[in-house]
PDB file of all heavy atoms in Angstrom:
ATOM      1  N   ALA A   1     145.824 -72.319 -17.767  1.00  0.00           N
ATOM      2  CA  ALA A   1     145.334 -73.311 -16.823  1.00  0.00           C
ATOM      3  C   ALA A   1     144.364 -72.677 -15.844  1.00  0.00           C
ATOM      4  O   ALA A   1     144.690 -72.493 -14.652  1.00  0.00           O
ATOM      5  CB  ALA A   1     146.511 -73.977 -16.083  1.00  0.00           C
ATOM      6  N   PRO A   2     143.186 -72.278 -16.303  1.00  0.00           N
ATOM      7  CA  PRO A   2     142.228 -71.674 -15.367  1.00  0.00           C
ATOM      8  C   PRO A   2     141.778 -72.659 -14.329  1.00  0.00           C
ATOM      9  O   PRO A   2     141.547 -73.846 -14.661  1.00  0.00           O
ATOM     10  CB  PRO A   2     141.084 -71.260 -16.273  1.00  0.00           C
ATOM     11  CG  PRO A   2     141.186 -72.165 -17.464  1.00  0.00           C
ATOM     12  CD  PRO A   2     142.656 -72.412 -17.648  1.00  0.00           C
ATOM     13  N   PRO A   3     141.664 -72.240 -13.083  1.00  0.00           N
ATOM     14  CA  PRO A   3     141.174 -73.173 -12.043  1.00  0.00           C
ATOM     15  C   PRO A   3     139.741 -73.576 -12.303  1.00  0.00           C
ATOM     16  O   PRO A   3     138.944 -72.794 -12.854  1.00  0.00           O
ATOM     17  CB  PRO A   3     141.307 -72.351 -10.766  1.00  0.00           C
ATOM     18  CG  PRO A   3     141.224 -70.931 -11.200  1.00  0.00           C
ATOM     19  CD  PRO A   3     141.888 -70.892 -12.544  1.00  0.00           C
ATOM     20  N   THR A   4     139.392 -74.808 -11.918  1.00  0.00           N
ATOM     21  CA  THR A   4     137.995 -75.238 -12.056  1.00  0.00           C
ATOM     22  C   THR A   4     137.155 -74.609 -10.952  1.00  0.00           C
ATOM     23  O   THR A   4     137.457 -74.706  -9.767  1.00  0.00           O
ATOM     24  CB  THR A   4     137.913 -76.752 -11.969  1.00  0.00           C
ATOM     25  OG1 THR A   4     138.673 -77.349 -13.005  1.00  0.00           O
ATOM     26  CG2 THR A   4     136.468 -77.247 -12.063  1.00  0.00           C
ATOM     27  N   ILE A   5     136.066 -73.925 -11.372  1.00  0.00           N
ATOM     28  CA  ILE A   5     135.149 -73.298 -10.453  1.00  0.00           C
ATOM     29  C   ILE A   5     133.946 -74.201 -10.305  1.00  0.00           C
ATOM     30  O   ILE A   5     133.304 -74.565 -11.326  1.00  0.00           O
ATOM     31  CB  ILE A   5     134.714 -71.911 -10.977  1.00  0.00           C
ATOM     32  CG1 ILE A   5     135.938 -70.991 -11.169  1.00  0.00           C
ATOM     33  CG2 ILE A   5     133.729 -71.250 -10.016  1.00  0.00           C
ATOM     34  CD1 ILE A   5     135.620 -69.723 -11.947  1.00  0.00           C
ATOM     35  N   LEU A   6     133.589 -74.584  -9.090  1.00  0.00           N
ATOM     36  CA  LEU A   6     132.453 -75.442  -8.838  1.00  0.00           C
ATOM     37  C   LEU A   6     131.259 -74.605  -8.404  1.00  0.00           C
ATOM     38  O   LEU A   6     131.345 -73.771  -7.508  1.00  0.00           O
ATOM     39  CB  LEU A   6     132.790 -76.486  -7.754  1.00  0.00           C
ATOM     40  CG  LEU A   6     133.936 -77.440  -8.052  1.00  0.00           C
ATOM     41  CD1 LEU A   6     134.138 -78.391  -6.888  1.00  0.00           C
ATOM     42  CD2 LEU A   6     133.694 -78.210  -9.337  1.00  0.00           C
ATOM     43  N   MET A   7     130.124 -74.834  -9.065  1.00  0.00           N
ATOM     44  CA  MET A   7     128.883 -74.126  -8.705  1.00  0.00           C
ATOM     45  C   MET A   7     127.773 -75.154  -8.697  1.00  0.00           C
ATOM     46  O   MET A   7     127.637 -75.954  -9.633  1.00  0.00           O
ATOM     47  CB  MET A   7     128.586 -72.997  -9.700  1.00  0.00           C
ATOM     48  CG  MET A   7     129.742 -71.996  -9.868  1.00  0.00           C
ATOM     49  SD  MET A   7     129.421 -70.739 -11.124  1.00  0.00           S
ATOM     50  CE  MET A   7     128.267 -69.684 -10.281  1.00  0.00           C
ATOM     51  N   GLN A   8     126.948 -75.134  -7.646  1.00  0.00           N
ATOM     52  CA  GLN A   8     125.906 -76.143  -7.498  1.00  0.00           C
ATOM     53  C   GLN A   8     124.557 -75.584  -7.916  1.00  0.00           C
ATOM     54  O   GLN A   8     124.130 -74.532  -7.463  1.00  0.00           O
ATOM     55  CB  GLN A   8     125.800 -76.587  -6.038  1.00  0.00           C
ATOM     56  CG  GLN A   8     124.731 -77.629  -5.768  1.00  0.00           C
ATOM     57  CD  GLN A   8     125.032 -78.986  -6.433  1.00  0.00           C
ATOM     58  OE1 GLN A   8     126.065 -79.568  -6.198  1.00  0.00           O
ATOM     59  NE2 GLN A   8     124.124 -79.446  -7.263  1.00  0.00           N
ATOM     60  N   LEU A   9     123.906 -76.297  -8.836  1.00  0.00           N
ATOM     61  CA  LEU A   9     122.524 -75.952  -9.232  1.00  0.00           C
ATOM     62  C   LEU A   9     121.541 -76.882  -8.564  1.00  0.00           C
ATOM     63  O   LEU A   9     121.766 -78.088  -8.489  1.00  0.00           O
ATOM     64  CB  LEU A   9     122.362 -76.074 -10.754  1.00  0.00           C
ATOM     65  CG  LEU A   9     122.761 -74.945 -11.679  1.00  0.00           C
ATOM     66  CD1 LEU A   9     122.390 -75.283 -13.107  1.00  0.00           C
ATOM     67  CD2 LEU A   9     122.157 -73.636 -11.270  1.00  0.00           C
ATOM     68  N   HIS A  10     120.447 -76.300  -8.094  1.00  0.00           N
ATOM     69  CA  HIS A  10     119.330 -77.085  -7.523  1.00  0.00           C
ATOM     70  C   HIS A  10     118.111 -76.876  -8.453  1.00  0.00           C
ATOM     71  O   HIS A  10     118.077 -75.925  -9.249  1.00  0.00           O
ATOM     72  CB  HIS A  10     119.023 -76.667  -6.113  1.00  0.00           C
ATOM     73  CG  HIS A  10     120.180 -76.778  -5.185  1.00  0.00           C
ATOM     74  ND1 HIS A  10     120.561 -77.966  -4.609  1.00  0.00           N
ATOM     75  CD2 HIS A  10     121.073 -75.850  -4.714  1.00  0.00           C
ATOM     76  CE1 HIS A  10     121.624 -77.804  -3.845  1.00  0.00           C
ATOM     77  NE2 HIS A  10     121.944 -76.499  -3.883  1.00  0.00           N
ATOM     78  N   GLU A  11     117.122 -77.736  -8.319  1.00  0.00           N
ATOM     79  CA  GLU A  11     115.940 -77.596  -9.115  1.00  0.00           C
ATOM     80  C   GLU A  11     115.304 -76.240  -8.934  1.00  0.00           C
ATOM     81  O   GLU A  11     115.113 -75.775  -7.805  1.00  0.00           O
ATOM     82  CB  GLU A  11     114.930 -78.713  -8.744  1.00  0.00           C
ATOM     83  CG  GLU A  11     113.702 -78.701  -9.626  1.00  0.00           C
ATOM     84  CD  GLU A  11     112.773 -79.887  -9.314  1.00  0.00           C
ATOM     85  OE1 GLU A  11     113.174 -80.768  -8.572  1.00  0.00           O
ATOM     86  OE2 GLU A  11     111.656 -79.887  -9.847  1.00  0.00           O
ATOM     87  N   GLY A  12     115.000 -75.580 -10.044  1.00  0.00           N
ATOM     88  CA  GLY A  12     114.404 -74.251 -10.005  1.00  0.00           C
ATOM     89  C   GLY A  12     115.417 -73.113 -10.041  1.00  0.00           C
ATOM     90  O   GLY A  12     115.036 -71.936 -10.205  1.00  0.00           O
ATOM     91  N   ASP A  13     116.701 -73.411  -9.900  1.00  0.00           N
ATOM     92  CA  ASP A  13     117.755 -72.376 -10.025  1.00  0.00           C
ATOM     93  C   ASP A  13     118.005 -72.082 -11.495  1.00  0.00           C
ATOM     94  O   ASP A  13     117.708 -72.900 -12.387  1.00  0.00           O
ATOM     95  CB  ASP A  13     119.058 -72.847  -9.399  1.00  0.00           C
ATOM     96  CG  ASP A  13     119.009 -72.996  -7.908  1.00  0.00           C
ATOM     97  OD1 ASP A  13     118.060 -72.443  -7.293  1.00  0.00           O
ATOM     98  OD2 ASP A  13     119.881 -73.655  -7.328  1.00  0.00           O
ATOM     99  N   SER A  14     118.569 -70.909 -11.761  1.00  0.00           N
ATOM    100  CA  SER A  14     118.909 -70.524 -13.121  1.00  0.00           C
ATOM    101  C   SER A  14     120.367 -70.061 -13.199  1.00  0.00           C
ATOM    102  O   SER A  14     120.856 -69.390 -12.281  1.00  0.00           O
ATOM    103  CB  SER A  14     118.003 -69.372 -13.605  1.00  0.00           C
ATOM    104  OG  SER A  14     116.650 -69.748 -13.646  1.00  0.00           O
ATOM    105  N   LEU A  15     121.014 -70.416 -14.298  1.00  0.00           N
ATOM    106  CA  LEU A  15     122.383 -69.994 -14.553  1.00  0.00           C
ATOM    107  C   LEU A  15     122.348 -68.930 -15.650  1.00  0.00           C
ATOM    108  O   LEU A  15     121.728 -69.140 -16.686  1.00  0.00           O
ATOM    109  CB  LEU A  15     123.234 -71.178 -15.013  1.00  0.00           C
ATOM    110  CG  LEU A  15     124.667 -70.860 -15.493  1.00  0.00           C
ATOM    111  CD1 LEU A  15     125.517 -70.425 -14.328  1.00  0.00           C
ATOM    112  CD2 LEU A  15     125.277 -72.041 -16.214  1.00  0.00           C
ATOM    113  N   ILE A  16     123.000 -67.805 -15.399  1.00  0.00           N
ATOM    114  CA  ILE A  16     122.999 -66.704 -16.352  1.00  0.00           C
ATOM    115  C   ILE A  16     124.434 -66.415 -16.787  1.00  0.00           C
ATOM    116  O   ILE A  16     125.301 -66.081 -15.962  1.00  0.00           O
ATOM    117  CB  ILE A  16     122.362 -65.412 -15.788  1.00  0.00           C
ATOM    118  CG1 ILE A  16     120.888 -65.635 -15.467  1.00  0.00           C
ATOM    119  CG2 ILE A  16     122.510 -64.267 -16.782  1.00  0.00           C
ATOM    120  CD1 ILE A  16     120.597 -66.100 -14.093  1.00  0.00           C
ATOM    121  N   LEU A  17     124.679 -66.590 -18.088  1.00  0.00           N
ATOM    122  CA  LEU A  17     125.963 -66.236 -18.685  1.00  0.00           C
ATOM    123  C   LEU A  17     125.722 -65.042 -19.613  1.00  0.00           C
ATOM    124  O   LEU A  17     124.675 -64.960 -20.242  1.00  0.00           O
ATOM    125  CB  LEU A  17     126.511 -67.411 -19.504  1.00  0.00           C
ATOM    126  CG  LEU A  17     126.729 -68.730 -18.714  1.00  0.00           C
ATOM    127  CD1 LEU A  17     127.208 -69.822 -19.669  1.00  0.00           C
ATOM    128  CD2 LEU A  17     127.723 -68.539 -17.590  1.00  0.00           C
ATOM    129  N   TYR A  18     126.711 -64.202 -19.777  1.00  0.00           N
ATOM    130  CA  TYR A  18     126.516 -62.975 -20.523  1.00  0.00           C
ATOM    131  C   TYR A  18     127.870 -62.453 -21.009  1.00  0.00           C
ATOM    132  O   TYR A  18     128.920 -62.982 -20.633  1.00  0.00           O
ATOM    133  CB  TYR A  18     125.844 -61.911 -19.638  1.00  0.00           C
ATOM    134  CG  TYR A  18     126.612 -61.647 -18.354  1.00  0.00           C
ATOM    135  CD1 TYR A  18     127.457 -60.521 -18.249  1.00  0.00           C
ATOM    136  CD2 TYR A  18     126.546 -62.492 -17.271  1.00  0.00           C
ATOM    137  CE1 TYR A  18     128.181 -60.284 -17.104  1.00  0.00           C
ATOM    138  CE2 TYR A  18     127.277 -62.276 -16.112  1.00  0.00           C
ATOM    139  CZ  TYR A  18     128.105 -61.153 -16.040  1.00  0.00           C
ATOM    140  OH  TYR A  18     128.833 -60.948 -14.907  1.00  0.00           O
ATOM    141  N   THR A  19     127.856 -61.400 -21.843  1.00  0.00           N
ATOM    142  CA  THR A  19     129.069 -60.765 -22.291  1.00  0.00           C
ATOM    143  C   THR A  19     129.172 -59.398 -21.641  1.00  0.00           C
ATOM    144  O   THR A  19     128.219 -58.875 -21.054  1.00  0.00           O
ATOM    145  CB  THR A  19     129.089 -60.623 -23.826  1.00  0.00           C
ATOM    146  OG1 THR A  19     127.989 -59.766 -24.211  1.00  0.00           O
ATOM    147  CG2 THR A  19     128.949 -61.981 -24.494  1.00  0.00           C
ATOM    148  N   ASP A  20     130.354 -58.781 -21.768  1.00  0.00           N
ATOM    149  CA  ASP A  20     130.578 -57.505 -21.092  1.00  0.00           C
ATOM    150  C   ASP A  20     129.807 -56.347 -21.735  1.00  0.00           C
ATOM    151  O   ASP A  20     129.843 -55.204 -21.210  1.00  0.00           O
ATOM    152  CB  ASP A  20     132.051 -57.177 -21.011  1.00  0.00           C
ATOM    153  CG  ASP A  20     132.744 -57.050 -22.377  1.00  0.00           C
ATOM    154  OD1 ASP A  20     132.030 -57.039 -23.393  1.00  0.00           O
ATOM    155  OD2 ASP A  20     133.983 -56.978 -22.403  1.00  0.00           O
ATOM    156  N   GLY A  21     129.102 -56.616 -22.836  1.00  0.00           N
ATOM    157  CA  GLY A  21     128.227 -55.610 -23.389  1.00  0.00           C
ATOM    158  C   GLY A  21     127.119 -55.232 -22.421  1.00  0.00           C
ATOM    159  O   GLY A  21     126.546 -54.141 -22.491  1.00  0.00           O
ATOM    160  N   ILE A  22     126.809 -56.142 -21.477  1.00  0.00           N
ATOM    161  CA  ILE A  22     125.812 -55.872 -20.444  1.00  0.00           C
ATOM    162  C   ILE A  22     126.392 -54.910 -19.407  1.00  0.00           C
ATOM    163  O   ILE A  22     125.892 -53.817 -19.180  1.00  0.00           O
ATOM    164  CB  ILE A  22     125.354 -57.168 -19.762  1.00  0.00           C
ATOM    165  CG1 ILE A  22     124.614 -58.070 -20.755  1.00  0.00           C
ATOM    166  CG2 ILE A  22     124.473 -56.876 -18.537  1.00  0.00           C
ATOM    167  CD1 ILE A  22     123.172 -57.675 -20.994  1.00  0.00           C
ATOM    168  N   THR A  23     127.424 -55.358 -18.710  1.00  0.00           N
ATOM    169  CA  THR A  23     127.927 -54.639 -17.554  1.00  0.00           C
ATOM    170  C   THR A  23     128.634 -53.332 -17.926  1.00  0.00           C
ATOM    171  O   THR A  23     128.728 -52.410 -17.106  1.00  0.00           O
ATOM    172  CB  THR A  23     128.889 -55.510 -16.722  1.00  0.00           C
ATOM    173  OG1 THR A  23     129.853 -56.075 -17.593  1.00  0.00           O
ATOM    174  CG2 THR A  23     128.100 -56.645 -16.061  1.00  0.00           C
ATOM    175  N   GLU A  24     129.147 -53.229 -19.158  1.00  0.00           N
ATOM    176  CA  GLU A  24     129.860 -52.013 -19.557  1.00  0.00           C
ATOM    177  C   GLU A  24     128.980 -51.018 -20.288  1.00  0.00           C
ATOM    178  O   GLU A  24     129.445 -49.950 -20.695  1.00  0.00           O
ATOM    179  CB  GLU A  24     131.046 -52.383 -20.458  1.00  0.00           C
ATOM    180  CG  GLU A  24     132.124 -53.176 -19.693  1.00  0.00           C
ATOM    181  CD  GLU A  24     133.303 -53.536 -20.566  1.00  0.00           C
ATOM    182  OE1 GLU A  24     133.301 -53.153 -21.767  1.00  0.00           O
ATOM    183  OE2 GLU A  24     134.225 -54.193 -20.063  1.00  0.00           O
ATOM    184  N   ALA A  25     127.692 -51.333 -20.450  1.00  0.00           N
ATOM    185  CA  ALA A  25     126.765 -50.391 -21.080  1.00  0.00           C
ATOM    186  C   ALA A  25     126.676 -49.119 -20.229  1.00  0.00           C
ATOM    187  O   ALA A  25     126.603 -49.189 -18.990  1.00  0.00           O
ATOM    188  CB  ALA A  25     125.389 -51.015 -21.226  1.00  0.00           C
ATOM    189  N   ARG A  26     126.698 -47.955 -20.856  1.00  0.00           N
ATOM    190  CA  ARG A  26     126.769 -46.690 -20.123  1.00  0.00           C
ATOM    191  C   ARG A  26     125.465 -45.886 -20.241  1.00  0.00           C
ATOM    192  O   ARG A  26     124.799 -45.917 -21.304  1.00  0.00           O
ATOM    193  CB  ARG A  26     127.939 -45.853 -20.601  1.00  0.00           C
ATOM    194  CG  ARG A  26     129.298 -46.471 -20.305  1.00  0.00           C
ATOM    195  CD  ARG A  26     130.460 -45.563 -20.746  1.00  0.00           C
ATOM    196  NE  ARG A  26     131.748 -46.168 -20.420  1.00  0.00           N
ATOM    197  CZ  ARG A  26     132.346 -46.045 -19.246  1.00  0.00           C
ATOM    198  NH1 ARG A  26     131.791 -45.338 -18.284  1.00  0.00           N
ATOM    199  NH2 ARG A  26     133.529 -46.635 -19.030  1.00  0.00           N
ATOM    200  N   SER A  27     125.147 -45.169 -19.207  1.00  0.00           N
ATOM    201  CA  SER A  27     124.025 -44.234 -19.237  1.00  0.00           C
ATOM    202  C   SER A  27     124.457 -42.953 -19.932  1.00  0.00           C
ATOM    203  O   SER A  27     125.629 -42.789 -20.281  1.00  0.00           O
ATOM    204  CB  SER A  27     123.565 -43.921 -17.811  1.00  0.00           C
ATOM    205  OG  SER A  27     124.563 -43.164 -17.129  1.00  0.00           O
ATOM    206  N   ASP A  28     123.512 -42.031 -20.104  1.00  0.00           N
ATOM    207  CA  ASP A  28     123.899 -40.752 -20.740  1.00  0.00           C
ATOM    208  C   ASP A  28     124.795 -39.923 -19.855  1.00  0.00           C
ATOM    209  O   ASP A  28     125.352 -38.904 -20.279  1.00  0.00           O
ATOM    210  CB  ASP A  28     122.635 -39.970 -21.131  1.00  0.00           C
ATOM    211  CG  ASP A  28     121.651 -39.823 -19.954  1.00  0.00           C
ATOM    212  OD1 ASP A  28     122.002 -40.186 -18.810  1.00  0.00           O
ATOM    213  OD2 ASP A  28     120.540 -39.338 -20.207  1.00  0.00           O
ATOM    214  N   LYS A  29     124.959 -40.353 -18.578  1.00  0.00           N
ATOM    215  CA  LYS A  29     125.906 -39.676 -17.652  1.00  0.00           C
ATOM    216  C   LYS A  29     127.255 -40.392 -17.604  1.00  0.00           C
ATOM    217  O   LYS A  29     128.128 -40.028 -16.821  1.00  0.00           O
ATOM    218  CB  LYS A  29     125.287 -39.600 -16.268  1.00  0.00           C
ATOM    219  CG  LYS A  29     124.017 -38.754 -16.176  1.00  0.00           C
ATOM    220  CD  LYS A  29     123.494 -38.692 -14.761  1.00  0.00           C
ATOM    221  CE  LYS A  29     122.242 -37.855 -14.670  1.00  0.00           C
ATOM    222  NZ  LYS A  29     121.694 -37.817 -13.288  1.00  0.00           N
ATOM    223  N   GLY A  30     127.395 -41.443 -18.404  1.00  0.00           N
ATOM    224  CA  GLY A  30     128.634 -42.167 -18.455  1.00  0.00           C
ATOM    225  C   GLY A  30     128.787 -43.252 -17.404  1.00  0.00           C
ATOM    226  O   GLY A  30     129.844 -43.860 -17.266  1.00  0.00           O
ATOM    227  N   GLU A  31     127.716 -43.561 -16.676  1.00  0.00           N
ATOM    228  CA  GLU A  31     127.777 -44.594 -15.639  1.00  0.00           C
ATOM    229  C   GLU A  31     127.552 -45.962 -16.229  1.00  0.00           C
ATOM    230  O   GLU A  31     126.633 -46.178 -17.031  1.00  0.00           O
ATOM    231  CB  GLU A  31     126.722 -44.323 -14.557  1.00  0.00           C
ATOM    232  CG  GLU A  31     126.900 -42.989 -13.836  1.00  0.00           C
ATOM    233  CD  GLU A  31     125.720 -42.689 -12.926  1.00  0.00           C
ATOM    234  OE1 GLU A  31     124.671 -43.359 -13.065  1.00  0.00           O
ATOM    235  OE2 GLU A  31     125.856 -41.787 -12.079  1.00  0.00           O
ATOM    236  N   GLN A  32     128.386 -46.932 -15.852  1.00  0.00           N
ATOM    237  CA  GLN A  32     128.238 -48.288 -16.343  1.00  0.00           C
ATOM    238  C   GLN A  32     127.067 -49.017 -15.660  1.00  0.00           C
ATOM    239  O   GLN A  32     126.749 -48.704 -14.491  1.00  0.00           O
ATOM    240  CB  GLN A  32     129.511 -49.090 -16.156  1.00  0.00           C
ATOM    241  CG  GLN A  32     130.665 -48.667 -17.038  1.00  0.00           C
ATOM    242  CD  GLN A  32     131.824 -49.645 -17.015  1.00  0.00           C
ATOM    243  OE1 GLN A  32     131.938 -50.468 -16.121  1.00  0.00           O
ATOM    244  NE2 GLN A  32     132.701 -49.540 -17.997  1.00  0.00           N
ATOM    245  N   PHE A  33     126.472 -49.945 -16.396  1.00  0.00           N
ATOM    246  CA  PHE A  33     125.379 -50.754 -15.804  1.00  0.00           C
ATOM    247  C   PHE A  33     125.931 -51.532 -14.622  1.00  0.00           C
ATOM    248  O   PHE A  33     125.310 -51.572 -13.554  1.00  0.00           O
ATOM    249  CB  PHE A  33     124.820 -51.680 -16.893  1.00  0.00           C
ATOM    250  CG  PHE A  33     123.532 -52.348 -16.527  1.00  0.00           C
ATOM    251  CD1 PHE A  33     122.375 -51.634 -16.334  1.00  0.00           C
ATOM    252  CD2 PHE A  33     123.467 -53.738 -16.398  1.00  0.00           C
ATOM    253  CE1 PHE A  33     121.162 -52.247 -16.002  1.00  0.00           C
ATOM    254  CE2 PHE A  33     122.294 -54.369 -16.074  1.00  0.00           C
ATOM    255  CZ  PHE A  33     121.135 -53.625 -15.898  1.00  0.00           C
ATOM    256  N   GLY A  34     127.034 -52.212 -14.797  1.00  0.00           N
ATOM    257  CA  GLY A  34     127.764 -52.864 -13.722  1.00  0.00           C
ATOM    258  C   GLY A  34     127.127 -54.134 -13.174  1.00  0.00           C
ATOM    259  O   GLY A  34     125.984 -54.487 -13.500  1.00  0.00           O
ATOM    260  N   ASP A  35     127.888 -54.809 -12.324  1.00  0.00           N
ATOM    261  CA  ASP A  35     127.453 -56.079 -11.743  1.00  0.00           C
ATOM    262  C   ASP A  35     126.264 -55.879 -10.804  1.00  0.00           C
ATOM    263  O   ASP A  35     125.369 -56.735 -10.751  1.00  0.00           O
ATOM    264  CB  ASP A  35     128.579 -56.734 -10.968  1.00  0.00           C
ATOM    265  CG  ASP A  35     129.733 -57.186 -11.859  1.00  0.00           C
ATOM    266  OD1 ASP A  35     129.498 -57.369 -13.043  1.00  0.00           O
ATOM    267  OD2 ASP A  35     130.860 -57.371 -11.321  1.00  0.00           O
ATOM    268  N   HIS A  36     126.211 -54.753 -10.059  1.00  0.00           N
ATOM    269  CA  HIS A  36     125.127 -54.575  -9.086  1.00  0.00           C
ATOM    270  C   HIS A  36     123.792 -54.444  -9.756  1.00  0.00           C
ATOM    271  O   HIS A  36     122.812 -55.110  -9.332  1.00  0.00           O
ATOM    272  CB  HIS A  36     125.447 -53.348  -8.232  1.00  0.00           C
ATOM    273  CG  HIS A  36     124.407 -53.062  -7.198  1.00  0.00           C
ATOM    274  ND1 HIS A  36     124.162 -53.921  -6.146  1.00  0.00           N
ATOM    275  CD2 HIS A  36     123.546 -52.020  -7.042  1.00  0.00           C
ATOM    276  CE1 HIS A  36     123.214 -53.457  -5.372  1.00  0.00           C
ATOM    277  NE2 HIS A  36     122.796 -52.289  -5.892  1.00  0.00           N
ATOM    278  N   LYS A  37     123.707 -53.632 -10.783  1.00  0.00           N
ATOM    279  CA  LYS A  37     122.411 -53.476 -11.502  1.00  0.00           C
ATOM    280  C   LYS A  37     122.032 -54.746 -12.232  1.00  0.00           C
ATOM    281  O   LYS A  37     120.857 -55.084 -12.343  1.00  0.00           O
ATOM    282  CB  LYS A  37     122.482 -52.296 -12.447  1.00  0.00           C
ATOM    283  CG  LYS A  37     122.423 -50.927 -11.729  1.00  0.00           C
ATOM    284  CD  LYS A  37     122.223 -49.804 -12.738  1.00  0.00           C
ATOM    285  CE  LYS A  37     122.042 -48.495 -12.013  1.00  0.00           C
ATOM    286  NZ  LYS A  37     121.812 -47.334 -12.931  1.00  0.00           N
ATOM    287  N   LEU A  38     123.034 -55.484 -12.739  1.00  0.00           N
ATOM    288  CA  LEU A  38     122.730 -56.743 -13.370  1.00  0.00           C
ATOM    289  C   LEU A  38     122.159 -57.698 -12.376  1.00  0.00           C
ATOM    290  O   LEU A  38     121.148 -58.387 -12.639  1.00  0.00           O
ATOM    291  CB  LEU A  38     123.992 -57.330 -14.007  1.00  0.00           C
ATOM    292  CG  LEU A  38     123.848 -58.720 -14.624  1.00  0.00           C
ATOM    293  CD1 LEU A  38     122.759 -58.752 -15.692  1.00  0.00           C
ATOM    294  CD2 LEU A  38     125.181 -59.178 -15.221  1.00  0.00           C
ATOM    295  N   SER A  39     122.741 -57.780 -11.184  1.00  0.00           N
ATOM    296  CA  SER A  39     122.232 -58.673 -10.149  1.00  0.00           C
ATOM    297  C   SER A  39     120.818 -58.301  -9.766  1.00  0.00           C
ATOM    298  O   SER A  39     119.968 -59.167  -9.581  1.00  0.00           O
ATOM    299  CB  SER A  39     123.158 -58.595  -8.919  1.00  0.00           C
ATOM    300  OG  SER A  39     122.654 -59.413  -7.864  1.00  0.00           O
TER     301      SER A  39
END
């Protein structure tokens, strides 16, 4: 029973959905891409 999350879109806004292959991608030093770099 996941809670309903409300998010408001306005004209010109964009919604981005993705998989964890983005945020968990690692550099050659083992650092994850993470939410901050994605943002």
